């Protein structure tokens, strides 16, 4: 699947602060969307440590795994560390405030109404270095298990099972989340990251540690 921009099969249409994400062929077969594909999980989750909010406008289940559409409220000083994905593409559309992006060695600032796409294997991060919150839509395609990862991360923080930086206190939980997110860190060969964290995640799953995480993302 191509990157989520104007050249791909995915079309993002915005009217003010409302968004709809329509795939050309999927739109023509919209009758296949039914209640069985709707999630019973909360649409909006809030991180208790930093105050960021994520609203799942479209879930992975509703799009058959093709993409997930998130509305994010990012507090001042918030953001992610540098990382990259091997398959996922992210498209950012700002609806309020100013969002900072790092794409490889380039730093970009998006204001209201502006958008930017980041494809696979590109080192990137997003951040808010302003004194005001920023609100933006993020389209992640394919969806992978990105939604599950966010729900687990916010859920563990809510249950006070992370440190002040939001890192799980349980080693097995941390490695399973790393493996689930398909996000990789700079400076360490990807085969090392996949091998070490993949092995630890498998051990954690064998020990039954994954069952404690299911309550956060399963209906």
C-alpha atoms as a PDB file:
ATOM      1  CA  UNK A   1       0.000   0.000   0.000  1.00  0.00           C
ATOM      2  CA  UNK A   2       1.341   3.441  -0.857  1.00  0.00           C
ATOM      3  CA  UNK A   3       1.878   6.264   1.560  1.00  0.00           C
ATOM      4  CA  UNK A   4      -1.171   8.079   2.840  1.00  0.00           C
ATOM      5  CA  UNK A   5      -0.975  11.161   0.655  1.00  0.00           C
ATOM      6  CA  UNK A   6      -2.677  12.542  -2.415  1.00  0.00           C
ATOM      7  CA  UNK A   7      -0.919  10.086  -4.700  1.00  0.00           C
ATOM      8  CA  UNK A   8      -2.233   6.973  -2.959  1.00  0.00           C
ATOM      9  CA  UNK A   9      -5.626   5.306  -2.999  1.00  0.00           C
ATOM     10  CA  UNK A  10      -6.460   6.945   0.310  1.00  0.00           C
ATOM     11  CA  UNK A  11      -8.150  10.325   0.184  1.00  0.00           C
ATOM     12  CA  UNK A  12      -8.413  12.544   3.262  1.00  0.00           C
ATOM     13  CA  UNK A  13     -11.137  15.183   3.116  1.00  0.00           C
ATOM     14  CA  UNK A  14     -11.435  17.906   5.744  1.00  0.00           C
ATOM     15  CA  UNK A  15     -14.160  20.475   6.315  1.00  0.00           C
ATOM     16  CA  UNK A  16     -13.176  22.696   9.210  1.00  0.00           C
ATOM     17  CA  UNK A  17     -12.362  20.350  12.072  1.00  0.00           C
ATOM     18  CA  UNK A  18     -14.320  17.407  10.768  1.00  0.00           C
ATOM     19  CA  UNK A  19     -12.613  14.637   8.890  1.00  0.00           C
ATOM     20  CA  UNK A  20     -13.608  11.706   6.784  1.00  0.00           C
ATOM     21  CA  UNK A  21     -11.187   9.189   5.367  1.00  0.00           C
ATOM     22  CA  UNK A  22     -12.431   7.410   2.295  1.00  0.00           C
ATOM     23  CA  UNK A  23     -10.750   4.773   0.193  1.00  0.00           C
ATOM     24  CA  UNK A  24     -11.967   4.936  -3.402  1.00  0.00           C
ATOM     25  CA  UNK A  25     -12.855   1.266  -3.722  1.00  0.00           C
ATOM     26  CA  UNK A  26     -13.889   0.910  -0.069  1.00  0.00           C
ATOM     27  CA  UNK A  27     -16.341   3.777  -0.450  1.00  0.00           C
ATOM     28  CA  UNK A  28     -18.014   1.931  -3.298  1.00  0.00           C
ATOM     29  CA  UNK A  29     -18.449  -1.093  -1.030  1.00  0.00           C
ATOM     30  CA  UNK A  30     -19.517   0.749   2.115  1.00  0.00           C
ATOM     31  CA  UNK A  31     -22.360  -1.690   2.676  1.00  0.00           C
ATOM     32  CA  UNK A  32     -19.823  -4.110   4.131  1.00  0.00           C
ATOM     33  CA  UNK A  33     -19.408  -1.908   7.184  1.00  0.00           C
ATOM     34  CA  UNK A  34     -21.764  -3.255   9.824  1.00  0.00           C
ATOM     35  CA  UNK A  35     -22.263  -3.307  13.544  1.00  0.00           C
ATOM     36  CA  UNK A  36     -20.136  -6.421  13.919  1.00  0.00           C
ATOM     37  CA  UNK A  37     -17.123  -4.344  12.919  1.00  0.00           C
ATOM     38  CA  UNK A  38     -17.821  -1.569  15.434  1.00  0.00           C
ATOM     39  CA  UNK A  39     -15.679  -1.509  18.561  1.00  0.00           C
ATOM     40  CA  UNK A  40     -17.207  -1.422  22.022  1.00  0.00           C
ATOM     41  CA  UNK A  41     -14.063   0.078  23.512  1.00  0.00           C
ATOM     42  CA  UNK A  42     -13.923   3.774  24.554  1.00  0.00           C
ATOM     43  CA  UNK A  43     -13.431   6.114  21.632  1.00  0.00           C
ATOM     44  CA  UNK A  44     -11.295   8.531  23.630  1.00  0.00           C
ATOM     45  CA  UNK A  45      -8.441   7.642  25.972  1.00  0.00           C
ATOM     46  CA  UNK A  46      -6.459  10.055  28.141  1.00  0.00           C
ATOM     47  CA  UNK A  47      -2.955   9.637  29.479  1.00  0.00           C
ATOM     48  CA  UNK A  48      -2.958  10.395  33.224  1.00  0.00           C
ATOM     49  CA  UNK A  49       0.701  11.419  33.391  1.00  0.00           C
ATOM     50  CA  UNK A  50       0.937  13.908  30.533  1.00  0.00           C
ATOM     51  CA  UNK A  51      -2.699  14.755  29.778  1.00  0.00           C
ATOM     52  CA  UNK A  52      -2.577  13.835  26.082  1.00  0.00           C
ATOM     53  CA  UNK A  53      -5.807  12.533  24.549  1.00  0.00           C
ATOM     54  CA  UNK A  54      -6.396  10.185  21.627  1.00  0.00           C
ATOM     55  CA  UNK A  55      -9.782   9.722  19.970  1.00  0.00           C
ATOM     56  CA  UNK A  56     -10.182   6.780  17.616  1.00  0.00           C
ATOM     57  CA  UNK A  57     -12.206   8.283  14.766  1.00  0.00           C
ATOM     58  CA  UNK A  58     -11.830   5.105  12.735  1.00  0.00           C
ATOM     59  CA  UNK A  59     -10.563   1.909  14.334  1.00  0.00           C
ATOM     60  CA  UNK A  60      -8.593  -0.904  12.762  1.00  0.00           C
ATOM     61  CA  UNK A  61     -11.583  -3.202  13.132  1.00  0.00           C
ATOM     62  CA  UNK A  62     -13.867  -0.778  11.284  1.00  0.00           C
ATOM     63  CA  UNK A  63     -11.490  -0.505   8.339  1.00  0.00           C
ATOM     64  CA  UNK A  64     -10.611  -4.211   8.192  1.00  0.00           C
ATOM     65  CA  UNK A  65      -7.051  -3.333   9.228  1.00  0.00           C
ATOM     66  CA  UNK A  66      -6.444  -0.972   6.319  1.00  0.00           C
ATOM     67  CA  UNK A  67      -5.859   2.089   8.487  1.00  0.00           C
ATOM     68  CA  UNK A  68      -6.777   3.793  11.734  1.00  0.00           C
ATOM     69  CA  UNK A  69      -7.633   7.466  12.035  1.00  0.00           C
ATOM     70  CA  UNK A  70      -6.767   9.211  15.286  1.00  0.00           C
ATOM     71  CA  UNK A  71      -7.563  12.647  16.627  1.00  0.00           C
ATOM     72  CA  UNK A  72      -4.794  13.654  19.010  1.00  0.00           C
ATOM     73  CA  UNK A  73      -4.643  16.398  21.614  1.00  0.00           C
ATOM     74  CA  UNK A  74      -0.964  16.906  22.399  1.00  0.00           C
ATOM     75  CA  UNK A  75      -0.078  18.953  25.452  1.00  0.00           C
ATOM     76  CA  UNK A  76       2.847  21.432  25.537  1.00  0.00           C
ATOM     77  CA  UNK A  77       6.145  19.589  25.810  1.00  0.00           C
ATOM     78  CA  UNK A  78       4.607  16.356  24.573  1.00  0.00           C
ATOM     79  CA  UNK A  79       5.735  14.161  21.721  1.00  0.00           C
ATOM     80  CA  UNK A  80       7.643  11.018  20.806  1.00  0.00           C
ATOM     81  CA  UNK A  81      11.297  10.033  20.625  1.00  0.00           C
ATOM     82  CA  UNK A  82      12.994   9.382  17.292  1.00  0.00           C
ATOM     83  CA  UNK A  83      11.921   6.097  15.739  1.00  0.00           C
ATOM     84  CA  UNK A  84      10.986   4.493  12.438  1.00  0.00           C
ATOM     85  CA  UNK A  85       8.535   1.911  11.088  1.00  0.00           C
ATOM     86  CA  UNK A  86       9.250  -0.680   8.443  1.00  0.00           C
ATOM     87  CA  UNK A  87       5.715  -0.848   7.066  1.00  0.00           C
ATOM     88  CA  UNK A  88       3.496   1.888   8.477  1.00  0.00           C
ATOM     89  CA  UNK A  89       2.900   5.292   6.968  1.00  0.00           C
ATOM     90  CA  UNK A  90       1.686   8.260   9.014  1.00  0.00           C
ATOM     91  CA  UNK A  91      -0.137  11.340   7.761  1.00  0.00           C
ATOM     92  CA  UNK A  92      -0.476  14.356  10.052  1.00  0.00           C
ATOM     93  CA  UNK A  93      -3.198  16.992   9.566  1.00  0.00           C
ATOM     94  CA  UNK A  94      -3.211  19.900  12.007  1.00  0.00           C
ATOM     95  CA  UNK A  95      -6.535  21.429  13.017  1.00  0.00           C
ATOM     96  CA  UNK A  96      -5.431  23.605  15.936  1.00  0.00           C
ATOM     97  CA  UNK A  97      -2.079  24.984  17.062  1.00  0.00           C
ATOM     98  CA  UNK A  98       1.364  24.191  15.673  1.00  0.00           C
ATOM     99  CA  UNK A  99       2.837  20.693  15.416  1.00  0.00           C
ATOM    100  CA  UNK A 100       6.539  20.033  15.113  1.00  0.00           C
ATOM    101  CA  UNK A 101       7.854  17.116  13.044  1.00  0.00           C
ATOM    102  CA  UNK A 102      11.291  15.683  12.533  1.00  0.00           C
ATOM    103  CA  UNK A 103      11.666  13.753   9.276  1.00  0.00           C
ATOM    104  CA  UNK A 104      15.168  12.359   8.905  1.00  0.00           C
ATOM    105  CA  UNK A 105      17.361  15.463   9.399  1.00  0.00           C
ATOM    106  CA  UNK A 106      14.626  17.938   8.486  1.00  0.00           C
ATOM    107  CA  UNK A 107      12.495  19.788  11.046  1.00  0.00           C
ATOM    108  CA  UNK A 108       9.030  20.852   9.863  1.00  0.00           C
ATOM    109  CA  UNK A 109       6.339  22.896  11.558  1.00  0.00           C
ATOM    110  CA  UNK A 110       2.697  22.459  10.563  1.00  0.00           C
ATOM    111  CA  UNK A 111       0.076  25.085  11.286  1.00  0.00           C
ATOM    112  CA  UNK A 112      -3.701  24.755  11.135  1.00  0.00           C
ATOM    113  CA  UNK A 113      -4.840  23.354   7.785  1.00  0.00           C
ATOM    114  CA  UNK A 114      -1.407  21.978   6.840  1.00  0.00           C
ATOM    115  CA  UNK A 115      -0.486  18.311   6.439  1.00  0.00           C
ATOM    116  CA  UNK A 116       2.562  16.107   6.029  1.00  0.00           C
ATOM    117  CA  UNK A 117       3.155  12.402   5.327  1.00  0.00           C
ATOM    118  CA  UNK A 118       5.984  10.209   6.560  1.00  0.00           C
ATOM    119  CA  UNK A 119       6.594   6.885   4.873  1.00  0.00           C
ATOM    120  CA  UNK A 120       8.212   3.658   6.092  1.00  0.00           C
ATOM    121  CA  UNK A 121      11.876   3.462   7.126  1.00  0.00           C
ATOM    122  CA  UNK A 122      12.141   7.196   7.778  1.00  0.00           C
ATOM    123  CA  UNK A 123      13.503   8.302  11.140  1.00  0.00           C
ATOM    124  CA  UNK A 124      10.951  10.675  12.633  1.00  0.00           C
ATOM    125  CA  UNK A 125       9.190  12.082  15.649  1.00  0.00           C
ATOM    126  CA  UNK A 126       6.455  14.593  16.419  1.00  0.00           C
ATOM    127  CA  UNK A 127       6.441  17.152  19.209  1.00  0.00           C
ATOM    128  CA  UNK A 128       4.774  20.245  20.634  1.00  0.00           C
ATOM    129  CA  UNK A 129       7.288  22.923  21.657  1.00  0.00           C
ATOM    130  CA  UNK A 130       4.655  25.645  22.026  1.00  0.00           C
ATOM    131  CA  UNK A 131       2.918  26.820  25.231  1.00  0.00           C
ATOM    132  CA  UNK A 132      -0.479  25.749  23.890  1.00  0.00           C
ATOM    133  CA  UNK A 133      -1.985  22.315  23.117  1.00  0.00           C
ATOM    134  CA  UNK A 134      -2.030  21.182  19.498  1.00  0.00           C
ATOM    135  CA  UNK A 135      -4.818  19.121  17.938  1.00  0.00           C
ATOM    136  CA  UNK A 136      -4.178  17.029  14.861  1.00  0.00           C
ATOM    137  CA  UNK A 137      -5.423  14.008  12.955  1.00  0.00           C
ATOM    138  CA  UNK A 138      -3.044  11.126  12.352  1.00  0.00           C
ATOM    139  CA  UNK A 139      -3.777   8.461   9.772  1.00  0.00           C
ATOM    140  CA  UNK A 140      -1.784   5.272  10.271  1.00  0.00           C
ATOM    141  CA  UNK A 141      -1.797   2.807   7.385  1.00  0.00           C
ATOM    142  CA  UNK A 142      -1.863  -0.080   7.461  1.00  0.00           C
ATOM    143  CA  UNK A 143      -3.334  -0.113  10.940  1.00  0.00           C
ATOM    144  CA  UNK A 144      -1.261  -2.991  12.258  1.00  0.00           C
ATOM    145  CA  UNK A 145      -1.629  -3.159  16.039  1.00  0.00           C
ATOM    146  CA  UNK A 146      -1.058   0.553  16.567  1.00  0.00           C
ATOM    147  CA  UNK A 147      -4.458   1.015  18.214  1.00  0.00           C
ATOM    148  CA  UNK A 148      -3.834  -1.890  20.610  1.00  0.00           C
ATOM    149  CA  UNK A 149      -0.457  -0.431  21.520  1.00  0.00           C
ATOM    150  CA  UNK A 150      -1.915   2.955  22.418  1.00  0.00           C
ATOM    151  CA  UNK A 151      -4.721   1.449  24.457  1.00  0.00           C
ATOM    152  CA  UNK A 152      -2.248  -0.688  26.414  1.00  0.00           C
ATOM    153  CA  UNK A 153       0.157   2.200  27.022  1.00  0.00           C
ATOM    154  CA  UNK A 154      -2.583   4.515  28.296  1.00  0.00           C
ATOM    155  CA  UNK A 155      -4.228   1.711  30.259  1.00  0.00           C
ATOM    156  CA  UNK A 156      -1.045   0.704  32.081  1.00  0.00           C
ATOM    157  CA  UNK A 157      -0.343   4.348  32.948  1.00  0.00           C
ATOM    158  CA  UNK A 158      -3.887   4.727  34.296  1.00  0.00           C
ATOM    159  CA  UNK A 159      -3.395   1.621  36.455  1.00  0.00           C
ATOM    160  CA  UNK A 160      -0.057   3.027  37.721  1.00  0.00           C
ATOM    161  CA  UNK A 161       1.909   0.195  36.151  1.00  0.00           C
ATOM    162  CA  UNK A 162       4.429   2.480  34.418  1.00  0.00           C
ATOM    163  CA  UNK A 163       7.165   4.795  35.626  1.00  0.00           C
ATOM    164  CA  UNK A 164       6.945   8.586  35.341  1.00  0.00           C
ATOM    165  CA  UNK A 165       8.079   8.374  31.712  1.00  0.00           C
ATOM    166  CA  UNK A 166       5.283   5.981  30.816  1.00  0.00           C
ATOM    167  CA  UNK A 167       7.553   2.931  30.477  1.00  0.00           C
ATOM    168  CA  UNK A 168       5.964  -0.293  31.800  1.00  0.00           C
ATOM    169  CA  UNK A 169       7.426  -1.517  35.066  1.00  0.00           C
ATOM    170  CA  UNK A 170       6.960  -5.110  33.910  1.00  0.00           C
ATOM    171  CA  UNK A 171       9.794  -6.154  31.570  1.00  0.00           C
ATOM    172  CA  UNK A 172       7.626  -8.637  29.701  1.00  0.00           C
ATOM    173  CA  UNK A 173       4.933  -6.033  29.098  1.00  0.00           C
ATOM    174  CA  UNK A 174       7.529  -3.579  27.798  1.00  0.00           C
ATOM    175  CA  UNK A 175       9.027  -6.065  25.332  1.00  0.00           C
ATOM    176  CA  UNK A 176       5.630  -7.260  24.096  1.00  0.00           C
ATOM    177  CA  UNK A 177       4.564  -3.655  23.495  1.00  0.00           C
ATOM    178  CA  UNK A 178       7.800  -2.929  21.636  1.00  0.00           C
ATOM    179  CA  UNK A 179       7.252  -5.970  19.451  1.00  0.00           C
ATOM    180  CA  UNK A 180       3.604  -5.046  18.899  1.00  0.00           C
ATOM    181  CA  UNK A 181       4.299  -1.460  17.828  1.00  0.00           C
ATOM    182  CA  UNK A 182       6.727  -2.277  14.993  1.00  0.00           C
ATOM    183  CA  UNK A 183       8.663   0.852  15.956  1.00  0.00           C
ATOM    184  CA  UNK A 184      12.437   0.730  15.929  1.00  0.00           C
ATOM    185  CA  UNK A 185      15.112   2.911  17.472  1.00  0.00           C
ATOM    186  CA  UNK A 186      18.039   4.595  15.718  1.00  0.00           C
ATOM    187  CA  UNK A 187      21.591   3.476  16.355  1.00  0.00           C
ATOM    188  CA  UNK A 188      20.815  -0.213  16.913  1.00  0.00           C
ATOM    189  CA  UNK A 189      20.650  -2.650  13.965  1.00  0.00           C
ATOM    190  CA  UNK A 190      17.074  -3.649  13.291  1.00  0.00           C
ATOM    191  CA  UNK A 191      17.966  -7.355  13.335  1.00  0.00           C
ATOM    192  CA  UNK A 192      19.248  -6.925  16.883  1.00  0.00           C
ATOM    193  CA  UNK A 193      16.073  -5.164  17.979  1.00  0.00           C
ATOM    194  CA  UNK A 194      13.817  -7.715  16.308  1.00  0.00           C
ATOM    195  CA  UNK A 195      15.849 -10.607  17.653  1.00  0.00           C
ATOM    196  CA  UNK A 196      16.209  -9.468  21.269  1.00  0.00           C
ATOM    197  CA  UNK A 197      12.779  -7.952  21.780  1.00  0.00           C
ATOM    198  CA  UNK A 198      11.086 -10.626  19.683  1.00  0.00           C
ATOM    199  CA  UNK A 199      12.628 -13.357  21.836  1.00  0.00           C
ATOM    200  CA  UNK A 200      11.739 -11.614  25.101  1.00  0.00           C
ATOM    201  CA  UNK A 201       8.198 -10.964  23.860  1.00  0.00           C
ATOM    202  CA  UNK A 202       7.819 -14.634  22.972  1.00  0.00           C
ATOM    203  CA  UNK A 203       9.001 -15.652  26.433  1.00  0.00           C
ATOM    204  CA  UNK A 204       6.579 -13.180  28.012  1.00  0.00           C
ATOM    205  CA  UNK A 205       3.738 -14.609  25.968  1.00  0.00           C
ATOM    206  CA  UNK A 206       4.757 -18.145  26.957  1.00  0.00           C
ATOM    207  CA  UNK A 207       4.696 -17.088  30.609  1.00  0.00           C
ATOM    208  CA  UNK A 208       1.140 -15.815  30.146  1.00  0.00           C
ATOM    209  CA  UNK A 209       2.056 -12.166  30.692  1.00  0.00           C
ATOM    210  CA  UNK A 210       0.133 -11.126  27.595  1.00  0.00           C
ATOM    211  CA  UNK A 211      -3.188 -12.063  29.147  1.00  0.00           C
ATOM    212  CA  UNK A 212      -2.873  -9.166  31.596  1.00  0.00           C
ATOM    213  CA  UNK A 213      -2.765  -6.745  28.651  1.00  0.00           C
ATOM    214  CA  UNK A 214      -5.811  -8.067  26.813  1.00  0.00           C
ATOM    215  CA  UNK A 215      -8.272  -6.175  29.004  1.00  0.00           C
ATOM    216  CA  UNK A 216      -7.029  -2.905  27.552  1.00  0.00           C
ATOM    217  CA  UNK A 217      -7.706  -3.644  23.889  1.00  0.00           C
ATOM    218  CA  UNK A 218     -10.165  -6.539  23.620  1.00  0.00           C
ATOM    219  CA  UNK A 219     -13.940  -5.993  23.561  1.00  0.00           C
END
